[in-house]
C-alpha atoms as a PDB file:
ATOM      1  CA  ILE A   1     -13.681  14.199   3.451  1.00  0.00           C
ATOM      2  CA  TRP A   2     -10.049  15.151   3.826  1.00  0.00           C
ATOM      3  CA  ALA A   3      -7.177  12.916   4.871  1.00  0.00           C
ATOM      4  CA  ILE A   4      -4.092  14.184   6.669  1.00  0.00           C
ATOM      5  CA  SER A   5      -1.073  11.922   6.722  1.00  0.00           C
ATOM      6  CA  SER A   6       2.687  11.778   6.622  1.00  0.00           C
ATOM      7  CA  GLU A   7       4.726   9.984   4.007  1.00  0.00           C
ATOM      8  CA  ASN A   8       6.843   8.391   6.726  1.00  0.00           C
ATOM      9  CA  ASN A   9       4.241   6.287   8.548  1.00  0.00           C
ATOM     10  CA  ASP A  10       0.867   4.588   8.287  1.00  0.00           C
ATOM     11  CA  LYS A  11      -1.080   6.890  10.617  1.00  0.00           C
ATOM     12  CA  ILE A  12      -3.818   9.135   9.276  1.00  0.00           C
ATOM     13  CA  ALA A  13      -6.367  11.683  10.463  1.00  0.00           C
ATOM     14  CA  LEU A  14      -9.686  12.118   8.697  1.00  0.00           C
ATOM     15  CA  VAL A  15     -11.540  15.413   8.536  1.00  0.00           C
ATOM     16  CA  ASP A  16     -15.346  15.388   8.354  1.00  0.00           C
ATOM     17  CA  PRO A  17     -15.821  11.676   7.599  1.00  0.00           C
ATOM     18  CA  GLY A  18     -19.420  11.825   6.459  1.00  0.00           C
ATOM     19  CA  ASP A  19     -19.326   8.443   4.705  1.00  0.00           C
ATOM     20  CA  ALA A  20     -17.705   5.670   6.725  1.00  0.00           C
ATOM     21  CA  LEU A  21     -17.620   3.139   3.894  1.00  0.00           C
ATOM     22  CA  VAL A  22     -15.538   5.421   1.678  1.00  0.00           C
ATOM     23  CA  CYS A  23     -13.164   6.062   4.581  1.00  0.00           C
ATOM     24  CA  ILE A  24     -12.853   2.395   5.535  1.00  0.00           C
ATOM     25  CA  GLU A  25     -12.143   1.407   1.942  1.00  0.00           C
ATOM     26  CA  TYR A  26      -9.445   4.087   1.681  1.00  0.00           C
ATOM     27  CA  LEU A  27      -7.848   3.016   4.978  1.00  0.00           C
ATOM     28  CA  GLN A  28      -7.819  -0.662   4.018  1.00  0.00           C
ATOM     29  CA  THR A  29      -6.647  -0.108   0.442  1.00  0.00           C
ATOM     30  CA  ASN A  30      -3.725   2.011   1.617  1.00  0.00           C
ATOM     31  CA  ASN A  31      -2.988  -0.016   4.777  1.00  0.00           C
ATOM     32  CA  LEU A  32      -3.476   3.035   7.012  1.00  0.00           C
ATOM     33  CA  MET A  33      -4.331   3.302  10.705  1.00  0.00           C
ATOM     34  CA  LEU A  34      -6.879   5.934  11.690  1.00  0.00           C
ATOM     35  CA  THR A  35      -5.521   7.874  14.665  1.00  0.00           C
ATOM     36  CA  ALA A  36      -7.714  10.980  14.724  1.00  0.00           C
ATOM     37  CA  ILE A  37     -11.001  12.358  13.475  1.00  0.00           C
ATOM     38  CA  LEU A  38     -11.426  16.102  13.104  1.00  0.00           C
ATOM     39  CA  ILE A  39     -14.856  17.685  12.749  1.00  0.00           C
ATOM     40  CA  THR A  40     -15.415  21.182  11.390  1.00  0.00           C
ATOM     41  CA  HIS A  41     -19.127  21.339  12.222  1.00  0.00           C
ATOM     42  CA  HIS A  42     -22.077  19.114  13.066  1.00  0.00           C
ATOM     43  CA  HIS A  43     -23.878  18.451   9.786  1.00  0.00           C
ATOM     44  CA  SER A  44     -24.666  14.868   8.804  1.00  0.00           C
ATOM     45  CA  ASP A  45     -22.498  15.050   5.687  1.00  0.00           C
ATOM     46  CA  HIS A  46     -19.551  15.839   7.976  1.00  0.00           C
ATOM     47  CA  VAL A  47     -20.205  13.531  10.941  1.00  0.00           C
ATOM     48  CA  GLY A  48     -22.322  10.719   9.481  1.00  0.00           C
ATOM     49  CA  GLY A  49     -19.522   8.157   9.353  1.00  0.00           C
ATOM     50  CA  ILE A  50     -17.964   8.695  12.761  1.00  0.00           C
ATOM     51  CA  ALA A  51     -19.848   5.982  14.665  1.00  0.00           C
ATOM     52  CA  LYS A  52     -18.744   3.267  12.224  1.00  0.00           C
ATOM     53  CA  LEU A  53     -15.133   4.459  12.305  1.00  0.00           C
ATOM     54  CA  LEU A  54     -14.782   4.305  16.089  1.00  0.00           C
END
């Protein structure tokens, strides 16, 4: 899982969010708003968390 963000705002894009719980914890801990999800390919370890993040 990769996170792409800017230092100047609270918006973030996640790349290949295979584990939603890890992503949600990171977003909440850092007070970030998920604005995009990027997927490199369709393997469960890359797309497994998408449904819970939407």
